[in-house]
PDB file of N, CA and C in Angstrom:
ATOM      1  N   MET A   1      11.895  -8.541  -8.219  1.00  0.00           N
ATOM      2  CA  MET A   1      10.811  -7.379  -9.512  1.00  0.00           C
ATOM      3  C   MET A   1      11.329  -6.994 -10.789  1.00  0.00           C
ATOM      4  N   GLY A   2      11.445  -6.918 -10.907  1.00  0.00           N
ATOM      5  CA  GLY A   2      11.668  -6.157 -12.498  1.00  0.00           C
ATOM      6  C   GLY A   2      12.280  -5.304 -12.227  1.00  0.00           C
ATOM      7  N   ASN A   3      12.336  -3.644 -13.302  1.00  0.00           N
ATOM      8  CA  ASN A   3      12.719  -3.006 -13.199  1.00  0.00           C
ATOM      9  C   ASN A   3      11.636  -1.961 -12.353  1.00  0.00           C
ATOM     10  N   LYS A   4      12.815  -1.454 -10.925  1.00  0.00           N
ATOM     11  CA  LYS A   4      11.914  -0.787  -9.959  1.00  0.00           C
ATOM     12  C   LYS A   4      11.633   1.019 -10.510  1.00  0.00           C
ATOM     13  N   HIS A   5      12.117   1.080 -11.220  1.00  0.00           N
ATOM     14  CA  HIS A   5      12.085   2.664 -11.888  1.00  0.00           C
ATOM     15  C   HIS A   5      11.748   2.737 -13.404  1.00  0.00           C
ATOM     16  N   SER A   6      10.148   1.709 -13.351  1.00  0.00           N
ATOM     17  CA  SER A   6       9.718   1.549 -15.172  1.00  0.00           C
ATOM     18  C   SER A   6       8.811   2.569 -15.276  1.00  0.00           C
ATOM     19  N   GLY A   7       8.003   3.273 -13.260  1.00  0.00           N
ATOM     20  CA  GLY A   7       6.849   3.819 -14.189  1.00  0.00           C
ATOM     21  C   GLY A   7       6.753   4.913 -12.601  1.00  0.00           C
ATOM     22  N   ARG A   8       6.148   6.604 -12.525  1.00  0.00           N
ATOM     23  CA  ARG A   8       5.776   6.672 -11.575  1.00  0.00           C
ATOM     24  C   ARG A   8       4.414   7.265 -11.987  1.00  0.00           C
ATOM     25  N   GLY A   9       4.087   8.050 -10.436  1.00  0.00           N
ATOM     26  CA  GLY A   9       2.254   8.496 -11.095  1.00  0.00           C
ATOM     27  C   GLY A   9       1.180   7.541 -10.213  1.00  0.00           C
ATOM     28  N   ALA A  10      -0.017   8.306 -10.817  1.00  0.00           N
ATOM     29  CA  ALA A  10      -0.953   7.465  -9.624  1.00  0.00           C
ATOM     30  C   ALA A  10      -1.356   5.928 -10.365  1.00  0.00           C
ATOM     31  N   LEU A  11      -1.407   5.699  -8.917  1.00  0.00           N
ATOM     32  CA  LEU A  11      -1.771   3.869  -8.835  1.00  0.00           C
ATOM     33  C   LEU A  11      -3.080   3.949  -9.765  1.00  0.00           C
ATOM     34  N   SER A  12      -2.478   2.484 -10.577  1.00  0.00           N
ATOM     35  CA  SER A  12      -3.852   1.967 -11.554  1.00  0.00           C
ATOM     36  C   SER A  12      -4.879   1.736 -10.961  1.00  0.00           C
ATOM     37  N   GLU A  13      -6.048   1.857 -11.871  1.00  0.00           N
ATOM     38  CA  GLU A  13      -7.400   1.726 -11.010  1.00  0.00           C
ATOM     39  C   GLU A  13      -7.810  -0.194 -10.450  1.00  0.00           C
ATOM     40  N   ARG A  14      -7.099  -0.825 -11.748  1.00  0.00           N
ATOM     41  CA  ARG A  14      -6.823  -2.309 -11.280  1.00  0.00           C
ATOM     42  C   ARG A  14      -6.119  -2.032 -10.068  1.00  0.00           C
ATOM     43  N   CYS A  15      -4.662  -2.148  -9.943  1.00  0.00           N
ATOM     44  CA  CYS A  15      -4.533  -1.989  -8.352  1.00  0.00           C
ATOM     45  C   CYS A  15      -5.301  -1.727  -7.566  1.00  0.00           C
ATOM     46  N   ARG A  16      -5.646  -0.478  -7.450  1.00  0.00           N
ATOM     47  CA  ARG A  16      -6.591  -0.123  -6.529  1.00  0.00           C
ATOM     48  C   ARG A  16      -7.424  -0.763  -5.774  1.00  0.00           C
ATOM     49  N   ALA A  17      -8.188  -1.168  -7.075  1.00  0.00           N
ATOM     50  CA  ALA A  17      -9.041  -2.207  -6.605  1.00  0.00           C
ATOM     51  C   ALA A  17      -8.627  -3.489  -6.335  1.00  0.00           C
ATOM     52  N   LEU A  18      -7.803  -4.207  -6.031  1.00  0.00           N
ATOM     53  CA  LEU A  18      -7.546  -5.324  -6.062  1.00  0.00           C
ATOM     54  C   LEU A  18      -6.666  -4.851  -4.662  1.00  0.00           C
ATOM     55  N   ALA A  19      -6.093  -3.658  -3.834  1.00  0.00           N
ATOM     56  CA  ALA A  19      -5.627  -3.636  -2.944  1.00  0.00           C
ATOM     57  C   ALA A  19      -6.868  -3.508  -1.802  1.00  0.00           C
ATOM     58  N   GLU A  20      -7.679  -2.825  -2.538  1.00  0.00           N
ATOM     59  CA  GLU A  20      -9.195  -2.362  -1.882  1.00  0.00           C
ATOM     60  C   GLU A  20      -9.841  -3.764  -1.240  1.00  0.00           C
ATOM     61  N   GLU A  21      -9.808  -4.488  -2.434  1.00  0.00           N
ATOM     62  CA  GLU A  21     -10.271  -5.652  -2.094  1.00  0.00           C
ATOM     63  C   GLU A  21      -9.654  -7.155  -1.040  1.00  0.00           C
ATOM     64  N   ILE A  22      -8.535  -6.674  -1.191  1.00  0.00           N
ATOM     65  CA  ILE A  22      -7.911  -7.644   0.035  1.00  0.00           C
ATOM     66  C   ILE A  22      -7.625  -6.790   1.362  1.00  0.00           C
ATOM     67  N   PHE A  23      -7.954  -5.229   1.208  1.00  0.00           N
ATOM     68  CA  PHE A  23      -8.435  -4.994   2.383  1.00  0.00           C
ATOM     69  C   PHE A  23      -9.622  -5.378   3.542  1.00  0.00           C
ATOM     70  N   LYS A  24     -10.842  -5.607   2.374  1.00  0.00           N
ATOM     71  CA  LYS A  24     -12.071  -5.667   2.711  1.00  0.00           C
ATOM     72  C   LYS A  24     -12.050  -6.944   2.900  1.00  0.00           C
ATOM     73  N   GLU A  25     -11.242  -8.195   2.772  1.00  0.00           N
ATOM     74  CA  GLU A  25     -11.026  -9.734   2.686  1.00  0.00           C
ATOM     75  C   GLU A  25     -10.672  -9.885   4.297  1.00  0.00           C
ATOM     76  N   ILE A  26      -9.355  -8.948   4.804  1.00  0.00           N
ATOM     77  CA  ILE A  26      -8.913  -9.075   5.632  1.00  0.00           C
ATOM     78  C   ILE A  26      -9.557  -8.614   7.368  1.00  0.00           C
ATOM     79  N   ASP A  27     -10.315  -6.839   6.657  1.00  0.00           N
ATOM     80  CA  ASP A  27     -11.252  -6.572   7.577  1.00  0.00           C
ATOM     81  C   ASP A  27     -12.377  -7.742   8.079  1.00  0.00           C
ATOM     82  N   VAL A  28     -12.667  -8.435   8.533  1.00  0.00           N
ATOM     83  CA  VAL A  28     -13.723  -9.268   8.617  1.00  0.00           C
ATOM     84  C   VAL A  28     -14.911  -9.036   9.308  1.00  0.00           C
ATOM     85  N   ASP A  29     -14.255  -8.016  10.212  1.00  0.00           N
ATOM     86  CA  ASP A  29     -15.116  -7.223  11.019  1.00  0.00           C
ATOM     87  C   ASP A  29     -16.310  -5.873  10.387  1.00  0.00           C
ATOM     88  N   GLY A  30     -15.217  -5.880   9.293  1.00  0.00           N
ATOM     89  CA  GLY A  30     -15.753  -4.290   8.670  1.00  0.00           C
ATOM     90  C   GLY A  30     -15.874  -3.254   9.400  1.00  0.00           C
ATOM     91  N   SER A  31     -14.475  -3.559  10.407  1.00  0.00           N
ATOM     92  CA  SER A  31     -14.126  -1.999  10.587  1.00  0.00           C
ATOM     93  C   SER A  31     -13.411  -1.070  10.083  1.00  0.00           C
ATOM     94  N   LEU A  32     -13.041  -0.877   8.912  1.00  0.00           N
ATOM     95  CA  LEU A  32     -12.389   0.010   8.168  1.00  0.00           C
ATOM     96  C   LEU A  32     -11.244  -0.174   8.969  1.00  0.00           C
ATOM     97  N   THR A  33     -10.557  -0.889   9.796  1.00  0.00           N
ATOM     98  CA  THR A  33      -9.005  -1.636   9.998  1.00  0.00           C
ATOM     99  C   THR A  33      -8.972  -2.671  10.041  1.00  0.00           C
ATOM    100  N   ILE A  34      -7.506  -3.348  10.329  1.00  0.00           N
ATOM    101  CA  ILE A  34      -7.024  -4.401  10.420  1.00  0.00           C
ATOM    102  C   ILE A  34      -6.145  -4.088  11.234  1.00  0.00           C
ATOM    103  N   ASP A  35      -7.027  -5.819  12.025  1.00  0.00           N
ATOM    104  CA  ASP A  35      -5.031  -5.503  13.480  1.00  0.00           C
ATOM    105  C   ASP A  35      -4.255  -6.818  13.349  1.00  0.00           C
ATOM    106  N   MET A  36      -3.471  -7.314  14.195  1.00  0.00           N
ATOM    107  CA  MET A  36      -2.825  -8.657  13.674  1.00  0.00           C
ATOM    108  C   MET A  36      -3.263  -9.718  14.075  1.00  0.00           C
ATOM    109  N   GLU A  37      -4.509  -9.803  15.071  1.00  0.00           N
ATOM    110  CA  GLU A  37      -5.112 -10.975  14.631  1.00  0.00           C
ATOM    111  C   GLU A  37      -6.423 -11.018  13.719  1.00  0.00           C
ATOM    112  N   GLU A  38      -6.656 -10.164  12.769  1.00  0.00           N
ATOM    113  CA  GLU A  38      -7.326 -10.233  11.818  1.00  0.00           C
ATOM    114  C   GLU A  38      -6.246 -10.970  10.511  1.00  0.00           C
ATOM    115  N   THR A  39      -4.951 -10.336  10.500  1.00  0.00           N
ATOM    116  CA  THR A  39      -4.228 -10.134   9.133  1.00  0.00           C
ATOM    117  C   THR A  39      -3.236 -11.856   9.819  1.00  0.00           C
ATOM    118  N   ALA A  40      -3.302 -12.884  10.786  1.00  0.00           N
ATOM    119  CA  ALA A  40      -2.947 -13.941  11.170  1.00  0.00           C
ATOM    120  C   ALA A  40      -3.543 -15.372  10.919  1.00  0.00           C
ATOM    121  N   LYS A  41      -5.167 -14.482  11.204  1.00  0.00           N
ATOM    122  CA  LYS A  41      -6.259 -15.473  10.817  1.00  0.00           C
ATOM    123  C   LYS A  41      -6.270 -15.522   9.212  1.00  0.00           C
ATOM    124  N   TRP A  42      -5.899 -14.480   8.743  1.00  0.00           N
ATOM    125  CA  TRP A  42      -6.526 -14.107   7.245  1.00  0.00           C
ATOM    126  C   TRP A  42      -4.902 -15.215   6.161  1.00  0.00           C
ATOM    127  N   TRP A  43      -3.676 -15.136   7.081  1.00  0.00           N
ATOM    128  CA  TRP A  43      -2.542 -15.544   6.218  1.00  0.00           C
ATOM    129  C   TRP A  43      -2.478 -17.307   7.184  1.00  0.00           C
ATOM    130  N   SER A  44      -3.556 -17.267   8.035  1.00  0.00           N
ATOM    131  CA  SER A  44      -3.489 -18.714   8.752  1.00  0.00           C
ATOM    132  C   SER A  44      -2.101 -19.659   8.426  1.00  0.00           C
ATOM    133  N   GLN A  45      -2.154 -20.645   7.288  1.00  0.00           N
ATOM    134  CA  GLN A  45      -1.307 -21.627   6.976  1.00  0.00           C
ATOM    135  C   GLN A  45       0.345 -20.846   6.627  1.00  0.00           C
ATOM    136  N   ASN A  46       0.570 -19.984   6.347  1.00  0.00           N
ATOM    137  CA  ASN A  46       1.770 -19.160   5.739  1.00  0.00           C
ATOM    138  C   ASN A  46       2.132 -18.529   6.480  1.00  0.00           C
ATOM    139  N   PHE A  47       3.291 -18.875   7.304  1.00  0.00           N
ATOM    140  CA  PHE A  47       3.811 -17.252   8.471  1.00  0.00           C
ATOM    141  C   PHE A  47       3.092 -16.444   8.458  1.00  0.00           C
ATOM    142  N   ALA A  48       1.724 -16.751   9.748  1.00  0.00           N
ATOM    143  CA  ALA A  48       1.323 -15.826   9.739  1.00  0.00           C
ATOM    144  C   ALA A  48       1.674 -14.875  10.074  1.00  0.00           C
ATOM    145  N   ILE A  49       2.007 -14.810  11.520  1.00  0.00           N
ATOM    146  CA  ILE A  49       2.640 -14.180  12.517  1.00  0.00           C
ATOM    147  C   ILE A  49       3.508 -13.669  11.971  1.00  0.00           C
ATOM    148  N   VAL A  50       4.784 -14.077  11.253  1.00  0.00           N
ATOM    149  CA  VAL A  50       5.815 -13.255  10.708  1.00  0.00           C
ATOM    150  C   VAL A  50       5.219 -12.475   9.010  1.00  0.00           C
ATOM    151  N   ASN A  51       4.270 -12.981   9.081  1.00  0.00           N
ATOM    152  CA  ASN A  51       3.948 -12.137   7.239  1.00  0.00           C
ATOM    153  C   ASN A  51       3.227 -10.752   8.197  1.00  0.00           C
ATOM    154  N   SER A  52       2.334 -11.345   9.282  1.00  0.00           N
ATOM    155  CA  SER A  52       1.574  -9.897   9.813  1.00  0.00           C
ATOM    156  C   SER A  52       2.539  -8.548  10.186  1.00  0.00           C
ATOM    157  N   ARG A  53       3.452  -9.207  11.383  1.00  0.00           N
ATOM    158  CA  ARG A  53       4.658  -8.550  11.718  1.00  0.00           C
ATOM    159  C   ARG A  53       5.388  -7.352  10.583  1.00  0.00           C
ATOM    160  N   ALA A  54       5.703  -8.067   9.295  1.00  0.00           N
ATOM    161  CA  ALA A  54       6.400  -7.511   8.219  1.00  0.00           C
ATOM    162  C   ALA A  54       5.337  -6.370   7.465  1.00  0.00           C
ATOM    163  N   MET A  55       4.098  -6.876   7.242  1.00  0.00           N
ATOM    164  CA  MET A  55       3.220  -5.956   6.863  1.00  0.00           C
ATOM    165  C   MET A  55       3.070  -4.696   7.863  1.00  0.00           C
ATOM    166  N   PHE A  56       2.503  -4.759   9.087  1.00  0.00           N
ATOM    167  CA  PHE A  56       2.267  -3.774  10.305  1.00  0.00           C
ATOM    168  C   PHE A  56       3.682  -3.153   9.965  1.00  0.00           C
ATOM    169  N   GLU A  57       4.911  -3.350  10.146  1.00  0.00           N
ATOM    170  CA  GLU A  57       6.294  -2.437  10.305  1.00  0.00           C
ATOM    171  C   GLU A  57       6.576  -2.060   8.594  1.00  0.00           C
ATOM    172  N   ASN A  58       5.316  -2.511   7.650  1.00  0.00           N
ATOM    173  CA  ASN A  58       5.753  -1.278   6.882  1.00  0.00           C
ATOM    174  C   ASN A  58       4.600  -0.799   6.728  1.00  0.00           C
ATOM    175  N   VAL A  59       3.250  -0.752   6.947  1.00  0.00           N
ATOM    176  CA  VAL A  59       1.564  -0.072   6.985  1.00  0.00           C
ATOM    177  C   VAL A  59       1.596   0.710   8.098  1.00  0.00           C
ATOM    178  N   ASP A  60       1.453   0.343   9.256  1.00  0.00           N
ATOM    179  CA  ASP A  60       1.336   0.862  10.349  1.00  0.00           C
ATOM    180  C   ASP A  60       1.732   2.426  10.636  1.00  0.00           C
ATOM    181  N   ARG A  61       1.527   3.302  10.153  1.00  0.00           N
ATOM    182  CA  ARG A  61       2.129   4.803   9.697  1.00  0.00           C
ATOM    183  C   ARG A  61       2.637   4.902  11.127  1.00  0.00           C
ATOM    184  N   ASP A  62       1.301   4.775  11.872  1.00  0.00           N
ATOM    185  CA  ASP A  62       1.192   5.362  13.388  1.00  0.00           C
ATOM    186  C   ASP A  62       1.829   4.626  15.209  1.00  0.00           C
ATOM    187  N   ARG A  63       1.500   3.286  13.849  1.00  0.00           N
ATOM    188  CA  ARG A  63       2.018   2.185  15.231  1.00  0.00           C
ATOM    189  C   ARG A  63       0.960   2.037  16.104  1.00  0.00           C
ATOM    190  N   ASN A  64      -0.340   1.941  16.381  1.00  0.00           N
ATOM    191  CA  ASN A  64      -1.871   1.935  16.687  1.00  0.00           C
ATOM    192  C   ASN A  64      -2.026   0.812  16.836  1.00  0.00           C
ATOM    193  N   GLY A  65      -1.492  -0.313  15.890  1.00  0.00           N
ATOM    194  CA  GLY A  65      -1.640  -1.583  16.115  1.00  0.00           C
ATOM    195  C   GLY A  65      -2.715  -2.191  15.300  1.00  0.00           C
ATOM    196  N   ALA A  66      -3.205  -0.982  14.514  1.00  0.00           N
ATOM    197  CA  ALA A  66      -4.338  -1.002  13.588  1.00  0.00           C
ATOM    198  C   ALA A  66      -3.767  -0.252  12.242  1.00  0.00           C
ATOM    199  N   ILE A  67      -3.845  -0.833  11.038  1.00  0.00           N
ATOM    200  CA  ILE A  67      -3.942  -0.403   9.830  1.00  0.00           C
ATOM    201  C   ILE A  67      -5.056   0.194   9.410  1.00  0.00           C
ATOM    202  N   ASP A  68      -5.646   1.616   8.764  1.00  0.00           N
ATOM    203  CA  ASP A  68      -6.832   1.813   9.022  1.00  0.00           C
ATOM    204  C   ASP A  68      -6.521   1.963   7.559  1.00  0.00           C
ATOM    205  N   PHE A  69      -7.685   2.123   6.468  1.00  0.00           N
ATOM    206  CA  PHE A  69      -8.107   1.939   5.216  1.00  0.00           C
ATOM    207  C   PHE A  69      -7.437   3.187   4.400  1.00  0.00           C
ATOM    208  N   SER A  70      -7.585   4.232   5.216  1.00  0.00           N
ATOM    209  CA  SER A  70      -6.147   5.072   4.686  1.00  0.00           C
ATOM    210  C   SER A  70      -4.903   4.548   4.546  1.00  0.00           C
ATOM    211  N   GLU A  71      -4.346   4.160   5.449  1.00  0.00           N
ATOM    212  CA  GLU A  71      -2.916   3.961   5.621  1.00  0.00           C
ATOM    213  C   GLU A  71      -2.764   3.057   4.389  1.00  0.00           C
ATOM    214  N   TRP A  72      -3.602   1.993   4.652  1.00  0.00           N
ATOM    215  CA  TRP A  72      -3.393   0.989   3.525  1.00  0.00           C
ATOM    216  C   TRP A  72      -3.330   1.542   1.898  1.00  0.00           C
ATOM    217  N   MET A  73      -3.778   2.306   2.002  1.00  0.00           N
ATOM    218  CA  MET A  73      -4.019   3.139   0.245  1.00  0.00           C
ATOM    219  C   MET A  73      -2.925   3.750   0.230  1.00  0.00           C
ATOM    220  N   ASP A  74      -2.593   4.453   1.216  1.00  0.00           N
ATOM    221  CA  ASP A  74      -1.401   5.068   1.199  1.00  0.00           C
ATOM    222  C   ASP A  74      -0.074   4.679   0.801  1.00  0.00           C
ATOM    223  N   PHE A  75       0.046   3.296   2.081  1.00  0.00           N
ATOM    224  CA  PHE A  75       1.038   2.658   1.255  1.00  0.00           C
ATOM    225  C   PHE A  75       0.955   1.682   0.025  1.00  0.00           C
ATOM    226  N   TRP A  76       0.288   1.501  -0.738  1.00  0.00           N
ATOM    227  CA  TRP A  76       0.238   1.041  -1.920  1.00  0.00           C
ATOM    228  C   TRP A  76       0.909   2.571  -3.025  1.00  0.00           C
ATOM    229  N   ALA A  77       0.181   3.491  -2.775  1.00  0.00           N
ATOM    230  CA  ALA A  77       0.612   4.566  -3.120  1.00  0.00           C
ATOM    231  C   ALA A  77       2.311   4.956  -3.042  1.00  0.00           C
ATOM    232  N   LEU A  78       2.606   5.056  -1.807  1.00  0.00           N
ATOM    233  CA  LEU A  78       3.748   5.026  -1.943  1.00  0.00           C
ATOM    234  C   LEU A  78       4.923   3.925  -2.418  1.00  0.00           C
ATOM    235  N   VAL A  79       4.685   3.141  -2.823  1.00  0.00           N
ATOM    236  CA  VAL A  79       4.921   1.744  -3.760  1.00  0.00           C
ATOM    237  C   VAL A  79       4.997   2.199  -5.019  1.00  0.00           C
ATOM    238  N   LYS A  80       4.121   3.007  -5.594  1.00  0.00           N
ATOM    239  CA  LYS A  80       3.728   3.200  -7.054  1.00  0.00           C
ATOM    240  C   LYS A  80       4.977   4.683  -7.059  1.00  0.00           C
ATOM    241  N   HIS A  81       5.021   5.319  -5.762  1.00  0.00           N
ATOM    242  CA  HIS A  81       5.847   6.011  -6.173  1.00  0.00           C
ATOM    243  C   HIS A  81       7.425   6.369  -5.759  1.00  0.00           C
ATOM    244  N   GLN A  82       7.790   4.829  -5.446  1.00  0.00           N
ATOM    245  CA  GLN A  82       9.360   4.933  -5.296  1.00  0.00           C
ATOM    246  C   GLN A  82       9.295   4.580  -6.745  1.00  0.00           C
ATOM    247  N   GLY A  83       8.667   4.044  -7.595  1.00  0.00           N
ATOM    248  CA  GLY A  83       9.249   3.734  -8.950  1.00  0.00           C
ATOM    249  C   GLY A  83       8.577   2.531  -9.410  1.00  0.00           C
ATOM    250  N   TYR A  84       7.463   1.706  -8.359  1.00  0.00           N
ATOM    251  CA  TYR A  84       7.008   0.259  -9.245  1.00  0.00           C
ATOM    252  C   TYR A  84       6.341  -0.200 -10.293  1.00  0.00           C
ATOM    253  N   SER A  85       6.289  -0.623 -10.836  1.00  0.00           N
ATOM    254  CA  SER A  85       5.230  -0.052 -12.065  1.00  0.00           C
ATOM    255  C   SER A  85       4.165  -0.717 -11.918  1.00  0.00           C
ATOM    256  N   ASP A  86       2.983  -0.681 -12.221  1.00  0.00           N
ATOM    257  CA  ASP A  86       1.695  -1.495 -12.454  1.00  0.00           C
ATOM    258  C   ASP A  86       1.673  -2.457 -12.493  1.00  0.00           C
ATOM    259  N   ASP A  87       2.264  -3.198 -13.461  1.00  0.00           N
ATOM    260  CA  ASP A  87       2.372  -4.816 -13.797  1.00  0.00           C
ATOM    261  C   ASP A  87       2.989  -5.502 -12.087  1.00  0.00           C
ATOM    262  N   GLU A  88       3.798  -4.692 -11.913  1.00  0.00           N
ATOM    263  CA  GLU A  88       4.587  -5.398 -10.973  1.00  0.00           C
ATOM    264  C   GLU A  88       4.284  -5.671  -9.161  1.00  0.00           C
ATOM    265  N   ILE A  89       3.480  -4.413  -9.204  1.00  0.00           N
ATOM    266  CA  ILE A  89       2.308  -3.959  -8.335  1.00  0.00           C
ATOM    267  C   ILE A  89       1.168  -4.947  -8.063  1.00  0.00           C
ATOM    268  N   PHE A  90       0.690  -4.670  -9.138  1.00  0.00           N
ATOM    269  CA  PHE A  90      -0.113  -6.411  -9.511  1.00  0.00           C
ATOM    270  C   PHE A  90       0.152  -7.164  -9.055  1.00  0.00           C
ATOM    271  N   GLU A  91       0.758  -7.702  -9.435  1.00  0.00           N
ATOM    272  CA  GLU A  91       1.854  -9.154  -9.411  1.00  0.00           C
ATOM    273  C   GLU A  91       1.810  -9.409  -7.864  1.00  0.00           C
ATOM    274  N   GLU A  92       2.395  -8.395  -7.233  1.00  0.00           N
ATOM    275  CA  GLU A  92       2.277  -9.121  -5.737  1.00  0.00           C
ATOM    276  C   GLU A  92       1.342  -8.746  -4.791  1.00  0.00           C
ATOM    277  N   LEU A  93       0.379  -7.693  -5.163  1.00  0.00           N
ATOM    278  CA  LEU A  93      -1.201  -7.759  -5.129  1.00  0.00           C
ATOM    279  C   LEU A  93      -2.133  -8.586  -5.117  1.00  0.00           C
ATOM    280  N   THR A  94      -2.172  -9.718  -6.694  1.00  0.00           N
ATOM    281  CA  THR A  94      -2.076 -11.081  -6.631  1.00  0.00           C
ATOM    282  C   THR A  94      -1.683 -12.132  -5.855  1.00  0.00           C
ATOM    283  N   ASN A  95      -0.314 -11.889  -5.699  1.00  0.00           N
ATOM    284  CA  ASN A  95       0.225 -12.929  -5.067  1.00  0.00           C
ATOM    285  C   ASN A  95       0.042 -12.647  -3.313  1.00  0.00           C
ATOM    286  N   LEU A  96      -0.232 -11.429  -2.761  1.00  0.00           N
ATOM    287  CA  LEU A  96      -0.787 -11.384  -1.556  1.00  0.00           C
ATOM    288  C   LEU A  96      -2.497 -11.838  -1.506  1.00  0.00           C
ATOM    289  N   LYS A  97      -3.410 -11.732  -2.411  1.00  0.00           N
ATOM    290  CA  LYS A  97      -4.229 -11.814  -2.733  1.00  0.00           C
ATOM    291  C   LYS A  97      -4.429 -13.375  -2.291  1.00  0.00           C
ATOM    292  N   ASN A  98      -3.667 -13.930  -3.119  1.00  0.00           N
ATOM    293  CA  ASN A  98      -3.345 -15.623  -3.022  1.00  0.00           C
ATOM    294  C   ASN A  98      -2.289 -16.265  -1.300  1.00  0.00           C
ATOM    295  N   ARG A  99      -2.938 -15.384  -0.514  1.00  0.00           N
ATOM    296  CA  ARG A  99      -1.811 -15.306   0.164  1.00  0.00           C
ATOM    297  C   ARG A  99      -0.588 -15.856   0.160  1.00  0.00           C
ATOM    298  N   GLY A 100      -0.118 -15.283  -0.697  1.00  0.00           N
ATOM    299  CA  GLY A 100       1.686 -15.495  -0.199  1.00  0.00           C
ATOM    300  C   GLY A 100       2.009 -14.637   0.747  1.00  0.00           C
ATOM    301  N   SER A 101       3.632 -14.435   0.714  1.00  0.00           N
ATOM    302  CA  SER A 101       4.301 -13.712   1.898  1.00  0.00           C
ATOM    303  C   SER A 101       4.282 -11.955   1.374  1.00  0.00           C
ATOM    304  N   TRP A 102       4.503 -11.693   2.576  1.00  0.00           N
ATOM    305  CA  TRP A 102       4.397  -9.964   2.167  1.00  0.00           C
ATOM    306  C   TRP A 102       5.881  -9.756   2.035  1.00  0.00           C
ATOM    307  N   VAL A 103       5.929  -8.615   1.034  1.00  0.00           N
ATOM    308  CA  VAL A 103       7.510  -8.665   0.249  1.00  0.00           C
ATOM    309  C   VAL A 103       7.618  -7.096   1.050  1.00  0.00           C
ATOM    310  N   GLN A 104       8.773  -6.618   1.747  1.00  0.00           N
ATOM    311  CA  GLN A 104       9.391  -5.387   1.640  1.00  0.00           C
ATOM    312  C   GLN A 104       9.932  -4.836   0.076  1.00  0.00           C
ATOM    313  N   PHE A 105       8.895  -3.744   0.191  1.00  0.00           N
ATOM    314  CA  PHE A 105       9.422  -2.860  -1.506  1.00  0.00           C
ATOM    315  C   PHE A 105      10.473  -1.936  -0.609  1.00  0.00           C
ATOM    316  N   ILE A 106      11.512  -2.117  -1.283  1.00  0.00           N
ATOM    317  CA  ILE A 106      12.765  -1.129  -1.137  1.00  0.00           C
ATOM    318  C   ILE A 106      12.312   0.515  -1.289  1.00  0.00           C
ATOM    319  N   GLY A 107      12.565   1.777  -0.121  1.00  0.00           N
ATOM    320  CA  GLY A 107      11.950   2.660  -0.084  1.00  0.00           C
ATOM    321  C   GLY A 107      10.674   2.835   0.422  1.00  0.00           C
ATOM    322  N   THR A 108      10.059   2.252   1.197  1.00  0.00           N
ATOM    323  CA  THR A 108       8.498   2.138   1.640  1.00  0.00           C
ATOM    324  C   THR A 108       8.792   1.815   3.806  1.00  0.00           C
ATOM    325  N   GLN A 109       9.864   1.748   3.660  1.00  0.00           N
ATOM    326  CA  GLN A 109      10.054   1.598   5.171  1.00  0.00           C
ATOM    327  C   GLN A 109       9.130   2.421   6.134  1.00  0.00           C
ATOM    328  N   VAL A 110       8.172   3.034   6.780  1.00  0.00           N
ATOM    329  CA  VAL A 110       7.369   3.507   7.572  1.00  0.00           C
ATOM    330  C   VAL A 110       8.301   3.914   8.747  1.00  0.00           C
ATOM    331  N   HIS A 111       7.921   5.347   9.580  1.00  0.00           N
ATOM    332  CA  HIS A 111       8.713   5.110  10.723  1.00  0.00           C
ATOM    333  C   HIS A 111       7.849   5.781  11.584  1.00  0.00           C
ATOM    334  N   ALA A 112       7.723   5.397  12.456  1.00  0.00           N
ATOM    335  CA  ALA A 112       6.536   5.775  13.489  1.00  0.00           C
ATOM    336  C   ALA A 112       6.776   7.704  13.847  1.00  0.00           C
ATOM    337  N   LYS A 113       5.111   7.988  13.403  1.00  0.00           N
ATOM    338  CA  LYS A 113       5.051   9.752  13.529  1.00  0.00           C
ATOM    339  C   LYS A 113       5.236   9.875  14.841  1.00  0.00           C
ATOM    340  N   ALA A 114       5.664  11.115  15.716  1.00  0.00           N
ATOM    341  CA  ALA A 114       5.655  11.644  16.680  1.00  0.00           C
ATOM    342  C   ALA A 114       4.510  11.646  17.069  1.00  0.00           C
ATOM    343  N   LYS A 115       4.209  11.336  18.361  1.00  0.00           N
ATOM    344  CA  LYS A 115       2.991  11.113  19.262  1.00  0.00           C
ATOM    345  C   LYS A 115       2.737  12.611  20.000  1.00  0.00           C
ATOM    346  N   ASP A 116       1.536  13.289  19.944  1.00  0.00           N
ATOM    347  CA  ASP A 116       1.082  14.470  21.206  1.00  0.00           C
ATOM    348  C   ASP A 116       1.429  13.776  22.310  1.00  0.00           C
TER     349      ASP A 116
END
């Protein structure tokens, strides 16, 4: 994935739009959350369970078994904040849209928030 430190700042509109499009595509029930069942069905033949688990490990901040729209978009903003360029992010989002494998971005591993 090229030069990791090629640009910080806000996620570009094209990346934001593609991330939103992918989320809506996975969220077949329109609940504004995606769960493992939805992601496994979405990936279907491409190591569906492996990819789903990897995605949830990175994106499901509160570890509640669902990724809401805010968590999803916050994850991509974090990728950008870690120094990945818009071109790199767009390339990976495009790969994801085409049902490619989930990518582990350096510096984006989330840790479970403490529960009350």
